[in-house]
Amino acid sequence: MLAVQEELLKVANAKKDYTDLTDRVEELRNKKEKILLDMAEEKNEQSRLKELEEFLDNQELEIERYDEDLVRKLIEKIIVYEEMFKVIFKSGLEVEINQ
């Protein structure tokens, strides 16, 4: 991106049309922003997975009955279809269960 910006300055100083270069700089900035957002999202997902893993590791008892607090902590949503349903965990993991 720095090389494109330097090229833009040279062209601008030579009083040539630099529209293509400004478009390229903008495109590169947008790509960089998207990459940074993707990296932040991935880091957040890894953090949630680690939190979930720690929570499960700290559970001392076997689950013998429905636990509302546990469900709310682990599950994002459940989607019901005619032939199956899908459980989507807060960690991003999805499990399909056929009926």
N, C-alpha and C. Protein backbone atom coordinates (compact mmCIF):
# COMPACT_ATOMS: atom_id res chain seq x y z
N MET A 1 0.83 -1.18 0.00
CA MET A 1 0.00 0.00 0.00
C MET A 1 0.88 1.25 0.00
N LEU A 2 2.00 1.20 0.71
CA LEU A 2 2.92 2.34 0.76
C LEU A 2 3.45 2.64 -0.64
N ALA A 3 3.77 1.60 -1.39
CA ALA A 3 4.28 1.81 -2.75
C ALA A 3 3.22 2.48 -3.63
N VAL A 4 1.98 2.10 -3.46
CA VAL A 4 0.90 2.71 -4.25
C VAL A 4 0.73 4.17 -3.85
N GLN A 5 0.84 4.46 -2.57
CA GLN A 5 0.72 5.84 -2.10
C GLN A 5 1.86 6.71 -2.65
N GLU A 6 3.08 6.16 -2.69
CA GLU A 6 4.23 6.90 -3.25
C GLU A 6 4.02 7.16 -4.73
N GLU A 7 3.52 6.17 -5.43
CA GLU A 7 3.22 6.32 -6.86
C GLU A 7 2.18 7.41 -7.07
N LEU A 8 1.17 7.43 -6.19
CA LEU A 8 0.12 8.44 -6.26
C LEU A 8 0.71 9.84 -6.11
N LEU A 9 1.63 10.01 -5.17
CA LEU A 9 2.27 11.31 -4.98
C LEU A 9 3.06 11.74 -6.21
N LYS A 10 3.77 10.79 -6.82
CA LYS A 10 4.55 11.12 -8.02
C LYS A 10 3.64 11.58 -9.16
N VAL A 11 2.57 10.85 -9.35
CA VAL A 11 1.64 11.18 -10.43
C VAL A 11 0.95 12.52 -10.15
N ALA A 12 0.57 12.73 -8.91
CA ALA A 12 -0.10 13.99 -8.54
C ALA A 12 0.84 15.17 -8.74
N ASN A 13 2.10 15.02 -8.37
CA ASN A 13 3.07 16.08 -8.54
C ASN A 13 3.36 16.36 -10.02
N ALA A 14 3.22 15.36 -10.86
CA ALA A 14 3.43 15.52 -12.30
C ALA A 14 2.16 16.04 -12.99
N LYS A 15 1.13 16.30 -12.20
CA LYS A 15 -0.14 16.83 -12.69
C LYS A 15 -0.79 15.90 -13.73
N LYS A 16 -0.68 14.60 -13.49
CA LYS A 16 -1.32 13.61 -14.34
C LYS A 16 -2.61 13.12 -13.66
N ASP A 17 -3.42 12.40 -14.41
CA ASP A 17 -4.65 11.84 -13.84
C ASP A 17 -4.28 10.69 -12.89
N TYR A 18 -4.71 10.82 -11.67
CA TYR A 18 -4.36 9.82 -10.66
C TYR A 18 -5.60 9.15 -10.06
N THR A 19 -6.70 9.19 -10.77
CA THR A 19 -7.94 8.59 -10.30
C THR A 19 -7.79 7.09 -10.06
N ASP A 20 -7.13 6.40 -10.99
CA ASP A 20 -6.95 4.95 -10.83
C ASP A 20 -6.15 4.63 -9.57
N LEU A 21 -5.12 5.44 -9.33
CA LEU A 21 -4.29 5.19 -8.15
C LEU A 21 -5.06 5.48 -6.85
N THR A 22 -5.86 6.51 -6.83
CA THR A 22 -6.64 6.78 -5.61
C THR A 22 -7.65 5.67 -5.37
N ASP A 23 -8.20 5.15 -6.46
CA ASP A 23 -9.12 4.01 -6.31
C ASP A 23 -8.39 2.80 -5.75
N ARG A 24 -7.18 2.58 -6.22
CA ARG A 24 -6.37 1.44 -5.74
C ARG A 24 -6.04 1.61 -4.26
N VAL A 25 -5.66 2.81 -3.85
CA VAL A 25 -5.35 3.07 -2.43
C VAL A 25 -6.58 2.79 -1.58
N GLU A 26 -7.73 3.27 -2.02
CA GLU A 26 -8.98 3.05 -1.28
C GLU A 26 -9.31 1.57 -1.19
N GLU A 27 -9.11 0.85 -2.29
CA GLU A 27 -9.35 -0.59 -2.32
C GLU A 27 -8.45 -1.31 -1.32
N LEU A 28 -7.17 -0.93 -1.30
CA LEU A 28 -6.23 -1.56 -0.37
C LEU A 28 -6.59 -1.24 1.08
N ARG A 29 -7.01 -0.02 1.35
CA ARG A 29 -7.44 0.34 2.71
C ARG A 29 -8.64 -0.50 3.14
N ASN A 30 -9.58 -0.68 2.23
CA ASN A 30 -10.76 -1.49 2.55
C ASN A 30 -10.39 -2.94 2.82
N LYS A 31 -9.47 -3.49 2.02
CA LYS A 31 -9.02 -4.86 2.24
C LYS A 31 -8.33 -4.99 3.59
N LYS A 32 -7.50 -4.01 3.92
CA LYS A 32 -6.80 -4.03 5.21
C LYS A 32 -7.79 -3.99 6.36
N GLU A 33 -8.80 -3.14 6.24
CA GLU A 33 -9.82 -3.03 7.29
C GLU A 33 -10.58 -4.34 7.45
N LYS A 34 -10.92 -4.98 6.34
CA LYS A 34 -11.63 -6.26 6.40
C LYS A 34 -10.77 -7.33 7.07
N ILE A 35 -9.49 -7.36 6.72
CA ILE A 35 -8.58 -8.34 7.33
C ILE A 35 -8.50 -8.12 8.84
N LEU A 36 -8.38 -6.86 9.25
CA LEU A 36 -8.31 -6.56 10.69
C LEU A 36 -9.60 -6.96 11.40
N LEU A 37 -10.74 -6.72 10.77
CA LEU A 37 -12.02 -7.12 11.36
C LEU A 37 -12.13 -8.64 11.46
N ASP A 38 -11.70 -9.34 10.42
CA ASP A 38 -11.73 -10.80 10.44
C ASP A 38 -10.84 -11.35 11.55
N MET A 39 -9.66 -10.75 11.71
CA MET A 39 -8.75 -11.19 12.76
C MET A 39 -9.35 -10.96 14.15
N ALA A 40 -10.00 -9.82 14.34
CA ALA A 40 -10.63 -9.52 15.62
C ALA A 40 -11.77 -10.49 15.90
N GLU A 41 -12.54 -10.82 14.87
CA GLU A 41 -13.64 -11.77 15.02
C GLU A 41 -13.12 -13.16 15.38
N GLU A 42 -12.04 -13.57 14.74
CA GLU A 42 -11.45 -14.87 15.03
C GLU A 42 -10.92 -14.91 16.46
N LYS A 43 -10.29 -13.84 16.88
CA LYS A 43 -9.77 -13.77 18.25
C LYS A 43 -10.92 -13.85 19.25
N ASN A 44 -12.02 -13.18 18.96
CA ASN A 44 -13.20 -13.22 19.83
C ASN A 44 -13.76 -14.63 19.90
N GLU A 45 -13.82 -15.31 18.77
CA GLU A 45 -14.34 -16.67 18.74
C GLU A 45 -13.44 -17.60 19.54
N GLN A 46 -12.13 -17.44 19.40
CA GLN A 46 -11.20 -18.27 20.18
C GLN A 46 -11.37 -18.02 21.67
N SER A 47 -11.60 -16.78 22.03
CA SER A 47 -11.82 -16.43 23.43
C SER A 47 -13.08 -17.10 23.97
N ARG A 48 -14.15 -17.09 23.18
CA ARG A 48 -15.40 -17.74 23.60
C ARG A 48 -15.21 -19.24 23.75
N LEU A 49 -14.47 -19.85 22.82
CA LEU A 49 -14.20 -21.29 22.91
C LEU A 49 -13.41 -21.62 24.17
N LYS A 50 -12.42 -20.79 24.47
CA LYS A 50 -11.61 -21.01 25.67
C LYS A 50 -12.47 -20.87 26.93
N GLU A 51 -13.34 -19.86 26.94
CA GLU A 51 -14.24 -19.66 28.08
C GLU A 51 -15.16 -20.87 28.26
N LEU A 52 -15.69 -21.38 27.16
CA LEU A 52 -16.56 -22.54 27.21
C LEU A 52 -15.79 -23.76 27.71
N GLU A 53 -14.60 -23.95 27.21
CA GLU A 53 -13.77 -25.08 27.64
C GLU A 53 -13.47 -25.00 29.13
N GLU A 54 -13.12 -23.82 29.63
CA GLU A 54 -12.85 -23.65 31.05
C GLU A 54 -14.09 -23.92 31.88
N PHE A 55 -15.24 -23.45 31.40
CA PHE A 55 -16.48 -23.69 32.11
C PHE A 55 -16.76 -25.18 32.22
N LEU A 56 -16.61 -25.89 31.11
CA LEU A 56 -16.87 -27.34 31.13
C LEU A 56 -15.85 -28.08 31.98
N ASP A 57 -14.61 -27.65 31.96
CA ASP A 57 -13.58 -28.28 32.79
C ASP A 57 -13.87 -28.12 34.28
N ASN A 58 -14.51 -27.03 34.64
CA ASN A 58 -14.80 -26.75 36.04
C ASN A 58 -16.07 -27.43 36.55
N GLN A 59 -16.80 -28.09 35.67
CA GLN A 59 -18.00 -28.81 36.09
C GLN A 59 -17.57 -30.11 36.75
N GLU A 60 -17.93 -30.27 38.00
CA GLU A 60 -17.49 -31.44 38.75
C GLU A 60 -18.48 -32.59 38.68
N LEU A 61 -19.73 -32.29 38.46
CA LEU A 61 -20.76 -33.32 38.47
C LEU A 61 -21.22 -33.65 37.06
N GLU A 62 -21.70 -34.89 36.90
CA GLU A 62 -22.32 -35.24 35.63
C GLU A 62 -23.68 -34.57 35.55
N ILE A 63 -24.07 -34.24 34.36
CA ILE A 63 -25.37 -33.62 34.16
C ILE A 63 -26.41 -34.74 34.13
N GLU A 64 -27.31 -34.71 35.09
CA GLU A 64 -28.31 -35.76 35.20
C GLU A 64 -29.71 -35.28 34.85
N ARG A 65 -29.91 -33.97 34.80
CA ARG A 65 -31.21 -33.43 34.45
C ARG A 65 -31.03 -32.09 33.77
N TYR A 66 -32.11 -31.60 33.20
CA TYR A 66 -32.09 -30.32 32.48
C TYR A 66 -31.61 -29.20 33.41
N ASP A 67 -30.70 -28.38 32.90
CA ASP A 67 -30.16 -27.26 33.67
C ASP A 67 -30.30 -25.99 32.83
N GLU A 68 -31.28 -25.15 33.18
CA GLU A 68 -31.57 -23.93 32.43
C GLU A 68 -30.35 -23.02 32.32
N ASP A 69 -29.62 -22.85 33.42
CA ASP A 69 -28.43 -21.98 33.40
C ASP A 69 -27.37 -22.50 32.44
N LEU A 70 -27.18 -23.80 32.43
CA LEU A 70 -26.21 -24.41 31.53
C LEU A 70 -26.62 -24.22 30.07
N VAL A 71 -27.89 -24.43 29.78
CA VAL A 71 -28.40 -24.25 28.42
C VAL A 71 -28.18 -22.82 27.96
N ARG A 72 -28.52 -21.85 28.81
CA ARG A 72 -28.36 -20.45 28.44
C ARG A 72 -26.89 -20.07 28.27
N LYS A 73 -26.01 -20.74 28.99
CA LYS A 73 -24.58 -20.44 28.90
C LYS A 73 -23.98 -21.01 27.62
N LEU A 74 -24.48 -22.17 27.17
CA LEU A 74 -23.84 -22.89 26.07
C LEU A 74 -24.51 -22.71 24.70
N ILE A 75 -25.83 -22.59 24.68
CA ILE A 75 -26.55 -22.66 23.41
C ILE A 75 -27.01 -21.28 22.95
N GLU A 76 -26.69 -20.97 21.70
CA GLU A 76 -27.11 -19.71 21.07
C GLU A 76 -28.57 -19.81 20.63
N LYS A 77 -28.86 -20.89 19.85
CA LYS A 77 -30.24 -21.09 19.41
C LYS A 77 -30.41 -22.51 18.90
N ILE A 78 -31.68 -22.91 18.79
CA ILE A 78 -32.05 -24.21 18.24
C ILE A 78 -33.04 -23.95 17.11
N ILE A 79 -32.73 -24.51 15.94
CA ILE A 79 -33.59 -24.34 14.78
C ILE A 79 -34.27 -25.68 14.51
N VAL A 80 -35.61 -25.66 14.45
CA VAL A 80 -36.38 -26.89 14.25
C VAL A 80 -36.87 -26.95 12.80
N TYR A 81 -36.53 -28.07 12.13
CA TYR A 81 -37.01 -28.35 10.78
C TYR A 81 -37.97 -29.53 10.85
N GLU A 82 -38.60 -29.87 9.74
CA GLU A 82 -39.54 -31.00 9.74
C GLU A 82 -38.83 -32.32 10.06
N GLU A 83 -37.69 -32.55 9.44
CA GLU A 83 -37.00 -33.83 9.56
C GLU A 83 -35.87 -33.84 10.60
N MET A 84 -35.48 -32.68 11.08
CA MET A 84 -34.36 -32.62 12.01
C MET A 84 -34.36 -31.28 12.73
N PHE A 85 -33.42 -31.13 13.66
CA PHE A 85 -33.21 -29.82 14.25
C PHE A 85 -31.71 -29.57 14.40
N LYS A 86 -31.37 -28.31 14.48
CA LYS A 86 -29.97 -27.91 14.53
C LYS A 86 -29.75 -27.11 15.82
N VAL A 87 -28.73 -27.51 16.58
CA VAL A 87 -28.34 -26.80 17.79
C VAL A 87 -27.11 -25.98 17.47
N ILE A 88 -27.18 -24.67 17.70
CA ILE A 88 -26.06 -23.78 17.44
C ILE A 88 -25.55 -23.28 18.78
N PHE A 89 -24.33 -23.67 19.10
CA PHE A 89 -23.72 -23.28 20.36
C PHE A 89 -23.12 -21.89 20.25
N LYS A 90 -22.94 -21.23 21.36
CA LYS A 90 -22.37 -19.89 21.38
C LYS A 90 -20.94 -19.88 20.87
N SER A 91 -20.29 -21.02 20.92
CA SER A 91 -18.92 -21.13 20.42
C SER A 91 -18.87 -21.13 18.90
N GLY A 92 -20.03 -21.29 18.24
CA GLY A 92 -20.08 -21.34 16.79
C GLY A 92 -20.28 -22.76 16.26
N LEU A 93 -20.09 -23.74 17.11
CA LEU A 93 -20.28 -25.14 16.73
C LEU A 93 -21.75 -25.39 16.43
N GLU A 94 -22.03 -26.13 15.35
CA GLU A 94 -23.39 -26.48 14.99
C GLU A 94 -23.53 -27.99 14.94
N VAL A 95 -24.62 -28.51 15.53
CA VAL A 95 -24.86 -29.95 15.55
C VAL A 95 -26.25 -30.18 14.98
N GLU A 96 -26.34 -31.06 13.97
CA GLU A 96 -27.62 -31.42 13.37
C GLU A 96 -28.07 -32.74 13.95
N ILE A 97 -29.33 -32.82 14.36
CA ILE A 97 -29.88 -34.04 14.96
C ILE A 97 -31.10 -34.45 14.16
N ASN A 98 -31.01 -35.64 13.53
CA ASN A 98 -32.11 -36.14 12.74
C ASN A 98 -33.12 -36.83 13.64
N GLN A 99 -34.41 -36.68 13.29
CA GLN A 99 -35.47 -37.28 14.10
C GLN A 99 -35.74 -38.71 13.68
